[in-house]
Structure formats: C-alpha cells, structure tokens
PDB file of all heavy atoms in Angstrom:
ATOM      1  N   ALA A   1      -3.488  12.142   5.379  1.00  0.00           N
ATOM      2  CA  ALA A   1      -2.212  11.613   5.866  1.00  0.00           C
ATOM      3  C   ALA A   1      -1.079  12.602   5.628  1.00  0.00           C
ATOM      4  O   ALA A   1      -0.239  12.828   6.512  1.00  0.00           O
ATOM      5  CB  ALA A   1      -1.918  10.288   5.186  1.00  0.00           C
ATOM      6  N   ALA A   2      -1.055  13.205   4.452  1.00  0.00           N
ATOM      7  CA  ALA A   2       0.010  14.160   4.133  1.00  0.00           C
ATOM      8  C   ALA A   2      -0.020  15.349   5.092  1.00  0.00           C
ATOM      9  O   ALA A   2       1.029  15.821   5.556  1.00  0.00           O
ATOM     10  CB  ALA A   2      -0.124  14.625   2.695  1.00  0.00           C
ATOM     11  N   ARG A   3      -1.229  15.844   5.412  1.00  0.00           N
ATOM     12  CA  ARG A   3      -1.346  16.968   6.338  1.00  0.00           C
ATOM     13  C   ARG A   3      -0.839  16.605   7.729  1.00  0.00           C
ATOM     14  O   ARG A   3      -0.382  17.477   8.478  1.00  0.00           O
ATOM     15  CB  ARG A   3      -2.797  17.444   6.430  1.00  0.00           C
ATOM     16  CG  ARG A   3      -3.285  18.183   5.206  1.00  0.00           C
ATOM     17  CD  ARG A   3      -4.565  18.943   5.496  1.00  0.00           C
ATOM     18  NE  ARG A   3      -5.666  18.071   5.865  1.00  0.00           N
ATOM     19  CZ  ARG A   3      -6.527  17.537   5.002  1.00  0.00           C
ATOM     20  NH1 ARG A   3      -6.401  17.785   3.698  1.00  0.00           N
ATOM     21  NH2 ARG A   3      -7.510  16.757   5.420  1.00  0.00           N
ATOM     22  N   ALA A   4      -0.932  15.312   8.074  1.00  0.00           N
ATOM     23  CA  ALA A   4      -0.464  14.849   9.380  1.00  0.00           C
ATOM     24  C   ALA A   4       1.014  14.457   9.361  1.00  0.00           C
ATOM     25  O   ALA A   4       1.536  13.985  10.376  1.00  0.00           O
ATOM     26  CB  ALA A   4      -1.310  13.665   9.846  1.00  0.00           C
ATOM     27  N   GLY A   5       1.670  14.632   8.221  1.00  0.00           N
ATOM     28  CA  GLY A   5       3.082  14.303   8.123  1.00  0.00           C
ATOM     29  C   GLY A   5       3.372  12.820   8.017  1.00  0.00           C
ATOM     30  O   GLY A   5       4.477  12.376   8.344  1.00  0.00           O
ATOM     31  N   ILE A   6       2.388  12.064   7.543  1.00  0.00           N
ATOM     32  CA  ILE A   6       2.527  10.610   7.418  1.00  0.00           C
ATOM     33  C   ILE A   6       2.938  10.253   5.994  1.00  0.00           C
ATOM     34  O   ILE A   6       2.429  10.842   5.025  1.00  0.00           O
ATOM     35  CB  ILE A   6       1.202   9.918   7.777  1.00  0.00           C
ATOM     36  CG1 ILE A   6       0.815  10.217   9.227  1.00  0.00           C
ATOM     37  CG2 ILE A   6       1.284   8.409   7.546  1.00  0.00           C
ATOM     38  CD1 ILE A   6      -0.597   9.831   9.580  1.00  0.00           C
ATOM     39  N   LEU A   7       3.820   9.296   5.869  1.00  0.00           N
ATOM     40  CA  LEU A   7       4.240   8.802   4.562  1.00  0.00           C
ATOM     41  C   LEU A   7       3.040   8.277   3.787  1.00  0.00           C
ATOM     42  O   LEU A   7       2.222   7.522   4.333  1.00  0.00           O
ATOM     43  CB  LEU A   7       5.271   7.683   4.733  1.00  0.00           C
ATOM     44  CG  LEU A   7       5.754   6.977   3.461  1.00  0.00           C
ATOM     45  CD1 LEU A   7       6.566   7.920   2.598  1.00  0.00           C
ATOM     46  CD2 LEU A   7       6.570   5.740   3.830  1.00  0.00           C
ATOM     47  N   THR A   8       2.902   8.667   2.533  1.00  0.00           N
ATOM     48  CA  THR A   8       1.807   8.192   1.688  1.00  0.00           C
ATOM     49  C   THR A   8       2.349   7.553   0.417  1.00  0.00           C
ATOM     50  O   THR A   8       3.453   7.871  -0.037  1.00  0.00           O
ATOM     51  CB  THR A   8       0.847   9.334   1.294  1.00  0.00           C
ATOM     52  OG1 THR A   8       1.542  10.271   0.462  1.00  0.00           O
ATOM     53  CG2 THR A   8       0.290  10.034   2.523  1.00  0.00           C
ATOM     54  N   GLN A   9       1.530   6.679  -0.133  1.00  0.00           N
ATOM     55  CA  GLN A   9       1.882   6.065  -1.408  1.00  0.00           C
ATOM     56  C   GLN A   9       0.612   5.689  -2.153  1.00  0.00           C
ATOM     57  O   GLN A   9      -0.316   5.123  -1.556  1.00  0.00           O
ATOM     58  CB  GLN A   9       2.748   4.818  -1.190  1.00  0.00           C
ATOM     59  CG  GLN A   9       3.340   4.261  -2.479  1.00  0.00           C
ATOM     60  CD  GLN A   9       4.424   3.226  -2.207  1.00  0.00           C
ATOM     61  OE1 GLN A   9       4.880   3.062  -1.077  1.00  0.00           O
ATOM     62  NE2 GLN A   9       4.839   2.535  -3.243  1.00  0.00           N
ATOM     63  N   CYS A  10       0.548   6.022  -3.427  1.00  0.00           N
ATOM     64  CA  CYS A  10      -0.561   5.592  -4.273  1.00  0.00           C
ATOM     65  C   CYS A  10      -0.079   4.448  -5.148  1.00  0.00           C
ATOM     66  O   CYS A  10       0.894   4.588  -5.892  1.00  0.00           O
ATOM     67  CB  CYS A  10      -1.068   6.740  -5.139  1.00  0.00           C
ATOM     68  SG  CYS A  10      -2.431   6.241  -6.226  1.00  0.00           S
ATOM     69  N   ILE A  11      -0.778   3.320  -5.031  1.00  0.00           N
ATOM     70  CA  ILE A  11      -0.496   2.161  -5.878  1.00  0.00           C
ATOM     71  C   ILE A  11      -1.795   1.857  -6.612  1.00  0.00           C
ATOM     72  O   ILE A  11      -2.717   1.260  -6.045  1.00  0.00           O
ATOM     73  CB  ILE A  11      -0.023   0.951  -5.044  1.00  0.00           C
ATOM     74  CG1 ILE A  11       1.215   1.319  -4.218  1.00  0.00           C
ATOM     75  CG2 ILE A  11       0.272  -0.242  -5.952  1.00  0.00           C
ATOM     76  CD1 ILE A  11       1.714   0.215  -3.301  1.00  0.00           C
ATOM     77  N   ASN A  12      -1.883   2.324  -7.824  1.00  0.00           N
ATOM     78  CA  ASN A  12      -3.123   2.245  -8.598  1.00  0.00           C
ATOM     79  C   ASN A  12      -3.342   0.825  -9.110  1.00  0.00           C
ATOM     80  O   ASN A  12      -2.540   0.310  -9.892  1.00  0.00           O
ATOM     81  CB  ASN A  12      -3.063   3.231  -9.766  1.00  0.00           C
ATOM     82  CG  ASN A  12      -4.415   3.454 -10.421  1.00  0.00           C
ATOM     83  OD1 ASN A  12      -5.281   2.572 -10.408  1.00  0.00           O
ATOM     84  ND2 ASN A  12      -4.599   4.629 -10.996  1.00  0.00           N
ATOM     85  N   HIS A  13      -4.442   0.209  -8.677  1.00  0.00           N
ATOM     86  CA  HIS A  13      -4.694  -1.189  -9.057  1.00  0.00           C
ATOM     87  C   HIS A  13      -4.884  -1.351 -10.563  1.00  0.00           C
ATOM     88  O   HIS A  13      -4.679  -2.440 -11.107  1.00  0.00           O
ATOM     89  CB  HIS A  13      -5.922  -1.727  -8.319  1.00  0.00           C
ATOM     90  CG  HIS A  13      -7.196  -1.036  -8.688  1.00  0.00           C
ATOM     91  ND1 HIS A  13      -7.599   0.158  -8.131  1.00  0.00           N
ATOM     92  CD2 HIS A  13      -8.167  -1.386  -9.577  1.00  0.00           C
ATOM     93  CE1 HIS A  13      -8.754   0.518  -8.650  1.00  0.00           C
ATOM     94  NE2 HIS A  13      -9.121  -0.394  -9.518  1.00  0.00           N
ATOM     95  N   ARG A  14      -5.258  -0.263 -11.235  1.00  0.00           N
ATOM     96  CA  ARG A  14      -5.487  -0.344 -12.689  1.00  0.00           C
ATOM     97  C   ARG A  14      -4.191  -0.555 -13.475  1.00  0.00           C
ATOM     98  O   ARG A  14      -4.230  -0.902 -14.655  1.00  0.00           O
ATOM     99  CB  ARG A  14      -6.185   0.929 -13.177  1.00  0.00           C
ATOM    100  CG  ARG A  14      -7.594   1.102 -12.632  1.00  0.00           C
ATOM    101  CD  ARG A  14      -8.253   2.361 -13.170  1.00  0.00           C
ATOM    102  NE  ARG A  14      -9.620   2.482 -12.694  1.00  0.00           N
ATOM    103  CZ  ARG A  14      -9.969   3.046 -11.551  1.00  0.00           C
ATOM    104  NH1 ARG A  14      -9.025   3.544 -10.753  1.00  0.00           N
ATOM    105  NH2 ARG A  14     -11.234   3.124 -11.187  1.00  0.00           N
ATOM    106  N   GLU A  15      -3.077  -0.381 -12.808  1.00  0.00           N
ATOM    107  CA  GLU A  15      -1.784  -0.534 -13.480  1.00  0.00           C
ATOM    108  C   GLU A  15      -1.225  -1.951 -13.354  1.00  0.00           C
ATOM    109  O   GLU A  15      -0.110  -2.207 -13.810  1.00  0.00           O
ATOM    110  CB  GLU A  15      -0.790   0.472 -12.898  1.00  0.00           C
ATOM    111  CG  GLU A  15      -1.211   1.925 -13.120  1.00  0.00           C
ATOM    112  CD  GLU A  15      -0.286   2.922 -12.438  1.00  0.00           C
ATOM    113  OE1 GLU A  15       0.665   2.459 -11.744  1.00  0.00           O
ATOM    114  OE2 GLU A  15      -0.512   4.135 -12.591  1.00  0.00           O
ATOM    115  N   PHE A  16      -2.020  -2.864 -12.777  1.00  0.00           N
ATOM    116  CA  PHE A  16      -1.548  -4.230 -12.559  1.00  0.00           C
ATOM    117  C   PHE A  16      -2.435  -5.222 -13.295  1.00  0.00           C
ATOM    118  O   PHE A  16      -3.659  -5.049 -13.343  1.00  0.00           O
ATOM    119  CB  PHE A  16      -1.517  -4.546 -11.064  1.00  0.00           C
ATOM    120  CG  PHE A  16      -0.519  -3.720 -10.296  1.00  0.00           C
ATOM    121  CD1 PHE A  16      -0.851  -2.451  -9.843  1.00  0.00           C
ATOM    122  CD2 PHE A  16       0.764  -4.199 -10.074  1.00  0.00           C
ATOM    123  CE1 PHE A  16       0.071  -1.680  -9.160  1.00  0.00           C
ATOM    124  CE2 PHE A  16       1.688  -3.432  -9.386  1.00  0.00           C
ATOM    125  CZ  PHE A  16       1.347  -2.171  -8.922  1.00  0.00           C
ATOM    126  N   PRO A  17      -1.844  -6.288 -13.851  1.00  0.00           N
ATOM    127  CA  PRO A  17      -2.630  -7.241 -14.641  1.00  0.00           C
ATOM    128  C   PRO A  17      -3.534  -8.148 -13.819  1.00  0.00           C
ATOM    129  O   PRO A  17      -4.478  -8.730 -14.336  1.00  0.00           O
ATOM    130  CB  PRO A  17      -1.563  -8.062 -15.376  1.00  0.00           C
ATOM    131  CG  PRO A  17      -0.332  -7.947 -14.526  1.00  0.00           C
ATOM    132  CD  PRO A  17      -0.396  -6.581 -13.924  1.00  0.00           C
ATOM    133  N   SER A  18      -3.258  -8.286 -12.508  1.00  0.00           N
ATOM    134  CA  SER A  18      -4.064  -9.180 -11.681  1.00  0.00           C
ATOM    135  C   SER A  18      -4.131  -8.647 -10.257  1.00  0.00           C
ATOM    136  O   SER A  18      -3.320  -7.806  -9.839  1.00  0.00           O
ATOM    137  CB  SER A  18      -3.471 -10.597 -11.663  1.00  0.00           C
ATOM    138  OG  SER A  18      -2.246 -10.608 -10.938  1.00  0.00           O
ATOM    139  N   ARG A  19      -5.100  -9.160  -9.503  1.00  0.00           N
ATOM    140  CA  ARG A  19      -5.207  -8.784  -8.089  1.00  0.00           C
ATOM    141  C   ARG A  19      -3.979  -9.209  -7.313  1.00  0.00           C
ATOM    142  O   ARG A  19      -3.518  -8.514  -6.412  1.00  0.00           O
ATOM    143  CB  ARG A  19      -6.460  -9.426  -7.476  1.00  0.00           C
ATOM    144  CG  ARG A  19      -7.772  -8.804  -7.925  1.00  0.00           C
ATOM    145  CD  ARG A  19      -8.951  -9.538  -7.318  1.00  0.00           C
ATOM    146  NE  ARG A  19     -10.227  -8.906  -7.658  1.00  0.00           N
ATOM    147  CZ  ARG A  19     -11.405  -9.413  -7.366  1.00  0.00           C
ATOM    148  NH1 ARG A  19     -11.488 -10.568  -6.729  1.00  0.00           N
ATOM    149  NH2 ARG A  19     -12.513  -8.771  -7.697  1.00  0.00           N
ATOM    150  N   GLU A  20      -3.446 -10.385  -7.659  1.00  0.00           N
ATOM    151  CA  GLU A  20      -2.274 -10.891  -6.950  1.00  0.00           C
ATOM    152  C   GLU A  20      -1.068  -9.984  -7.181  1.00  0.00           C
ATOM    153  O   GLU A  20      -0.291  -9.718  -6.253  1.00  0.00           O
ATOM    154  CB  GLU A  20      -1.959 -12.317  -7.395  1.00  0.00           C
ATOM    155  CG  GLU A  20      -2.940 -13.366  -6.906  1.00  0.00           C
ATOM    156  CD  GLU A  20      -4.259 -13.374  -7.674  1.00  0.00           C
ATOM    157  OE1 GLU A  20      -4.327 -12.728  -8.747  1.00  0.00           O
ATOM    158  OE2 GLU A  20      -5.212 -14.032  -7.206  1.00  0.00           O
ATOM    159  N   ASP A  21      -0.899  -9.497  -8.418  1.00  0.00           N
ATOM    160  CA  ASP A  21       0.220  -8.603  -8.712  1.00  0.00           C
ATOM    161  C   ASP A  21       0.076  -7.289  -7.944  1.00  0.00           C
ATOM    162  O   ASP A  21       1.057  -6.743  -7.424  1.00  0.00           O
ATOM    163  CB  ASP A  21       0.296  -8.322 -10.214  1.00  0.00           C
ATOM    164  CG  ASP A  21       0.760  -9.528 -11.009  1.00  0.00           C
ATOM    165  OD1 ASP A  21       1.503 -10.358 -10.454  1.00  0.00           O
ATOM    166  OD2 ASP A  21       0.376  -9.645 -12.186  1.00  0.00           O
ATOM    167  N   PHE A  22      -1.145  -6.785  -7.872  1.00  0.00           N
ATOM    168  CA  PHE A  22      -1.401  -5.572  -7.102  1.00  0.00           C
ATOM    169  C   PHE A  22      -1.087  -5.800  -5.622  1.00  0.00           C
ATOM    170  O   PHE A  22      -0.393  -4.990  -4.987  1.00  0.00           O
ATOM    171  CB  PHE A  22      -2.852  -5.131  -7.279  1.00  0.00           C
ATOM    172  CG  PHE A  22      -3.288  -4.039  -6.349  1.00  0.00           C
ATOM    173  CD1 PHE A  22      -2.837  -2.742  -6.511  1.00  0.00           C
ATOM    174  CD2 PHE A  22      -4.160  -4.319  -5.301  1.00  0.00           C
ATOM    175  CE1 PHE A  22      -3.238  -1.731  -5.648  1.00  0.00           C
ATOM    176  CE2 PHE A  22      -4.567  -3.317  -4.433  1.00  0.00           C
ATOM    177  CZ  PHE A  22      -4.105  -2.015  -4.603  1.00  0.00           C
ATOM    178  N   ASP A  23      -1.575  -6.893  -5.079  1.00  0.00           N
ATOM    179  CA  ASP A  23      -1.338  -7.188  -3.670  1.00  0.00           C
ATOM    180  C   ASP A  23       0.151  -7.352  -3.378  1.00  0.00           C
ATOM    181  O   ASP A  23       0.638  -6.934  -2.320  1.00  0.00           O
ATOM    182  CB  ASP A  23      -2.098  -8.445  -3.254  1.00  0.00           C
ATOM    183  CG  ASP A  23      -3.543  -8.163  -2.889  1.00  0.00           C
ATOM    184  OD1 ASP A  23      -3.978  -7.007  -3.053  1.00  0.00           O
ATOM    185  OD2 ASP A  23      -4.236  -9.091  -2.432  1.00  0.00           O
ATOM    186  N   THR A  24       0.877  -7.950  -4.296  1.00  0.00           N
ATOM    187  CA  THR A  24       2.319  -8.122  -4.109  1.00  0.00           C
ATOM    188  C   THR A  24       3.003  -6.771  -3.983  1.00  0.00           C
ATOM    189  O   THR A  24       3.886  -6.585  -3.131  1.00  0.00           O
ATOM    190  CB  THR A  24       2.916  -8.917  -5.284  1.00  0.00           C
ATOM    191  OG1 THR A  24       2.351 -10.235  -5.302  1.00  0.00           O
ATOM    192  CG2 THR A  24       4.425  -9.033  -5.160  1.00  0.00           C
ATOM    193  N   ALA A  25       2.590  -5.811  -4.802  1.00  0.00           N
ATOM    194  CA  ALA A  25       3.172  -4.468  -4.737  1.00  0.00           C
ATOM    195  C   ALA A  25       2.821  -3.771  -3.423  1.00  0.00           C
ATOM    196  O   ALA A  25       3.664  -3.102  -2.819  1.00  0.00           O
ATOM    197  CB  ALA A  25       2.689  -3.634  -5.925  1.00  0.00           C
ATOM    198  N   VAL A  26       1.575  -3.941  -2.970  1.00  0.00           N
ATOM    199  CA  VAL A  26       1.167  -3.327  -1.706  1.00  0.00           C
ATOM    200  C   VAL A  26       1.918  -3.957  -0.537  1.00  0.00           C
ATOM    201  O   VAL A  26       2.401  -3.255   0.367  1.00  0.00           O
ATOM    202  CB  VAL A  26      -0.355  -3.431  -1.509  1.00  0.00           C
ATOM    203  CG1 VAL A  26      -0.761  -2.901  -0.144  1.00  0.00           C
ATOM    204  CG2 VAL A  26      -1.093  -2.668  -2.607  1.00  0.00           C
ATOM    205  N   VAL A  27       2.020  -5.275  -0.545  1.00  0.00           N
ATOM    206  CA  VAL A  27       2.757  -5.977   0.516  1.00  0.00           C
ATOM    207  C   VAL A  27       4.198  -5.488   0.574  1.00  0.00           C
ATOM    208  O   VAL A  27       4.751  -5.248   1.664  1.00  0.00           O
ATOM    209  CB  VAL A  27       2.696  -7.494   0.303  1.00  0.00           C
ATOM    210  CG1 VAL A  27       3.729  -8.218   1.168  1.00  0.00           C
ATOM    211  CG2 VAL A  27       1.299  -8.029   0.611  1.00  0.00           C
ATOM    212  N   LYS A  28       4.819  -5.313  -0.571  1.00  0.00           N
ATOM    213  CA  LYS A  28       6.214  -4.841  -0.622  1.00  0.00           C
ATOM    214  C   LYS A  28       6.328  -3.462   0.038  1.00  0.00           C
ATOM    215  O   LYS A  28       7.238  -3.218   0.839  1.00  0.00           O
ATOM    216  CB  LYS A  28       6.683  -4.777  -2.074  1.00  0.00           C
ATOM    217  CG  LYS A  28       8.127  -4.311  -2.253  1.00  0.00           C
ATOM    218  CD  LYS A  28       8.526  -4.413  -3.729  1.00  0.00           C
ATOM    219  CE  LYS A  28       9.992  -4.034  -3.931  1.00  0.00           C
ATOM    220  NZ  LYS A  28      10.214  -2.579  -3.723  1.00  0.00           N
ATOM    221  N   ALA A  29       5.380  -2.567  -0.278  1.00  0.00           N
ATOM    222  CA  ALA A  29       5.422  -1.225   0.297  1.00  0.00           C
ATOM    223  C   ALA A  29       5.204  -1.261   1.808  1.00  0.00           C
ATOM    224  O   ALA A  29       5.859  -0.525   2.566  1.00  0.00           O
ATOM    225  CB  ALA A  29       4.369  -0.343  -0.372  1.00  0.00           C
ATOM    226  N   LEU A  30       4.302  -2.114   2.261  1.00  0.00           N
ATOM    227  CA  LEU A  30       4.044  -2.234   3.696  1.00  0.00           C
ATOM    228  C   LEU A  30       5.266  -2.784   4.432  1.00  0.00           C
ATOM    229  O   LEU A  30       5.630  -2.295   5.508  1.00  0.00           O
ATOM    230  CB  LEU A  30       2.832  -3.135   3.934  1.00  0.00           C
ATOM    231  CG  LEU A  30       1.476  -2.575   3.493  1.00  0.00           C
ATOM    232  CD1 LEU A  30       0.424  -3.675   3.502  1.00  0.00           C
ATOM    233  CD2 LEU A  30       1.036  -1.422   4.392  1.00  0.00           C
ATOM    234  N   ARG A  31       5.894  -3.775   3.857  1.00  0.00           N
ATOM    235  CA  ARG A  31       7.074  -4.356   4.494  1.00  0.00           C
ATOM    236  C   ARG A  31       8.221  -3.357   4.535  1.00  0.00           C
ATOM    237  O   ARG A  31       8.958  -3.279   5.529  1.00  0.00           O
ATOM    238  CB  ARG A  31       7.477  -5.638   3.753  1.00  0.00           C
ATOM    239  CG  ARG A  31       6.581  -6.826   4.093  1.00  0.00           C
ATOM    240  CD  ARG A  31       6.965  -8.052   3.314  1.00  0.00           C
ATOM    241  NE  ARG A  31       6.326  -9.253   3.866  1.00  0.00           N
ATOM    242  CZ  ARG A  31       6.245 -10.406   3.220  1.00  0.00           C
ATOM    243  NH1 ARG A  31       6.748 -10.514   1.983  1.00  0.00           N
ATOM    244  NH2 ARG A  31       5.672 -11.460   3.786  1.00  0.00           N
ATOM    245  N   GLU A  32       8.384  -2.587   3.467  1.00  0.00           N
ATOM    246  CA  GLU A  32       9.450  -1.587   3.439  1.00  0.00           C
ATOM    247  C   GLU A  32       9.244  -0.530   4.522  1.00  0.00           C
ATOM    248  O   GLU A  32      10.211   0.051   5.017  1.00  0.00           O
ATOM    249  CB  GLU A  32       9.512  -0.926   2.057  1.00  0.00           C
ATOM    250  CG  GLU A  32      10.086  -1.833   0.981  1.00  0.00           C
ATOM    251  CD  GLU A  32      10.037  -1.217  -0.407  1.00  0.00           C
ATOM    252  OE1 GLU A  32       9.361  -0.163  -0.568  1.00  0.00           O
ATOM    253  OE2 GLU A  32      10.672  -1.773  -1.324  1.00  0.00           O
ATOM    254  N   ALA A  33       7.979  -0.298   4.882  1.00  0.00           N
ATOM    255  CA  ALA A  33       7.668   0.676   5.935  1.00  0.00           C
ATOM    256  C   ALA A  33       7.700   0.056   7.332  1.00  0.00           C
ATOM    257  O   ALA A  33       7.449   0.755   8.315  1.00  0.00           O
ATOM    258  CB  ALA A  33       6.299   1.305   5.674  1.00  0.00           C
ATOM    259  N   GLY A  34       7.973  -1.234   7.420  1.00  0.00           N
ATOM    260  CA  GLY A  34       8.057  -1.896   8.718  1.00  0.00           C
ATOM    261  C   GLY A  34       6.718  -2.089   9.401  1.00  0.00           C
ATOM    262  O   GLY A  34       6.628  -2.104  10.629  1.00  0.00           O
ATOM    263  N   VAL A  35       5.671  -2.280   8.611  1.00  0.00           N
ATOM    264  CA  VAL A  35       4.317  -2.398   9.150  1.00  0.00           C
ATOM    265  C   VAL A  35       4.130  -3.742   9.851  1.00  0.00           C
ATOM    266  O   VAL A  35       4.531  -4.789   9.338  1.00  0.00           O
ATOM    267  CB  VAL A  35       3.282  -2.227   8.013  1.00  0.00           C
ATOM    268  CG1 VAL A  35       1.887  -2.662   8.452  1.00  0.00           C
ATOM    269  CG2 VAL A  35       3.272  -0.783   7.545  1.00  0.00           C
ATOM    270  N   GLU A  36       3.483  -3.684  11.023  1.00  0.00           N
ATOM    271  CA  GLU A  36       3.192  -4.884  11.801  1.00  0.00           C
ATOM    272  C   GLU A  36       1.708  -5.256  11.775  1.00  0.00           C
ATOM    273  O   GLU A  36       1.358  -6.419  11.974  1.00  0.00           O
ATOM    274  CB  GLU A  36       3.613  -4.661  13.250  1.00  0.00           C
ATOM    275  CG  GLU A  36       5.099  -4.378  13.420  1.00  0.00           C
ATOM    276  CD  GLU A  36       5.427  -3.862  14.794  1.00  0.00           C
ATOM    277  OE1 GLU A  36       4.991  -2.740  15.136  1.00  0.00           O
ATOM    278  OE2 GLU A  36       6.130  -4.591  15.540  1.00  0.00           O
ATOM    279  N   LEU A  37       0.845  -4.280  11.577  1.00  0.00           N
ATOM    280  CA  LEU A  37      -0.598  -4.507  11.507  1.00  0.00           C
ATOM    281  C   LEU A  37      -1.153  -3.687  10.363  1.00  0.00           C
ATOM    282  O   LEU A  37      -0.861  -2.490  10.249  1.00  0.00           O
ATOM    283  CB  LEU A  37      -1.284  -4.086  12.814  1.00  0.00           C
ATOM    284  CG  LEU A  37      -2.817  -4.177  12.829  1.00  0.00           C
ATOM    285  CD1 LEU A  37      -3.266  -5.644  12.804  1.00  0.00           C
ATOM    286  CD2 LEU A  37      -3.397  -3.470  14.052  1.00  0.00           C
ATOM    287  N   VAL A  38      -1.962  -4.342   9.513  1.00  0.00           N
ATOM    288  CA  VAL A  38      -2.566  -3.664   8.365  1.00  0.00           C
ATOM    289  C   VAL A  38      -4.015  -3.337   8.705  1.00  0.00           C
ATOM    290  O   VAL A  38      -4.784  -4.211   9.113  1.00  0.00           O
ATOM    291  CB  VAL A  38      -2.506  -4.537   7.098  1.00  0.00           C
ATOM    292  CG1 VAL A  38      -3.103  -3.795   5.912  1.00  0.00           C
ATOM    293  CG2 VAL A  38      -1.058  -4.942   6.802  1.00  0.00           C
ATOM    294  N   VAL A  39      -4.379  -2.078   8.519  1.00  0.00           N
ATOM    295  CA  VAL A  39      -5.710  -1.593   8.863  1.00  0.00           C
ATOM    296  C   VAL A  39      -6.405  -1.126   7.579  1.00  0.00           C
ATOM    297  O   VAL A  39      -5.925  -0.209   6.909  1.00  0.00           O
ATOM    298  CB  VAL A  39      -5.619  -0.424   9.868  1.00  0.00           C
ATOM    299  CG1 VAL A  39      -7.003   0.137  10.166  1.00  0.00           C
ATOM    300  CG2 VAL A  39      -4.927  -0.871  11.149  1.00  0.00           C
ATOM    301  N   LEU A  40      -7.515  -1.770   7.249  1.00  0.00           N
ATOM    302  CA  LEU A  40      -8.291  -1.365   6.083  1.00  0.00           C
ATOM    303  C   LEU A  40      -9.312  -0.326   6.523  1.00  0.00           C
ATOM    304  O   LEU A  40     -10.100  -0.566   7.433  1.00  0.00           O
ATOM    305  CB  LEU A  40      -8.994  -2.566   5.445  1.00  0.00           C
ATOM    306  CG  LEU A  40      -8.129  -3.780   5.101  1.00  0.00           C
ATOM    307  CD1 LEU A  40      -8.946  -4.798   4.302  1.00  0.00           C
ATOM    308  CD2 LEU A  40      -6.884  -3.375   4.323  1.00  0.00           C
ATOM    309  N   ALA A  41      -9.301   0.820   5.868  1.00  0.00           N
ATOM    310  CA  ALA A  41     -10.193   1.923   6.230  1.00  0.00           C
ATOM    311  C   ALA A  41     -10.896   2.414   4.972  1.00  0.00           C
ATOM    312  O   ALA A  41     -10.468   3.381   4.343  1.00  0.00           O
ATOM    313  CB  ALA A  41      -9.415   3.049   6.907  1.00  0.00           C
ATOM    314  N   GLY A  42     -11.952   1.701   4.598  1.00  0.00           N
ATOM    315  CA  GLY A  42     -12.638   2.043   3.358  1.00  0.00           C
ATOM    316  C   GLY A  42     -11.819   1.669   2.140  1.00  0.00           C
ATOM    317  O   GLY A  42     -11.786   2.402   1.153  1.00  0.00           O
TER     318      GLY A  42
END
C-alpha cells in the first residue's frame, strides 16, 4: 500500500484488552478515512 501511495495504518490487536475494543479502534480509523465498503484481504 505504501508503495502505491495509499494511506496505511497498523492497529495491533495485541494492544487491546478485547476484540470489541480492537474493532472499535479499527472502525474509528475506517470512518475517519471515509470508507464506504470494507474489504477483508487475508
């Protein structure tokens, strides 16, 4: 992604006490980027 000039972010799940807390952080980052469709790729 970086080579293609795309915004990247690492949100390490090990830094969160629960799956829900991790997902909340990911959702926040996606919304801040104006994402309309989430694509899981591995």
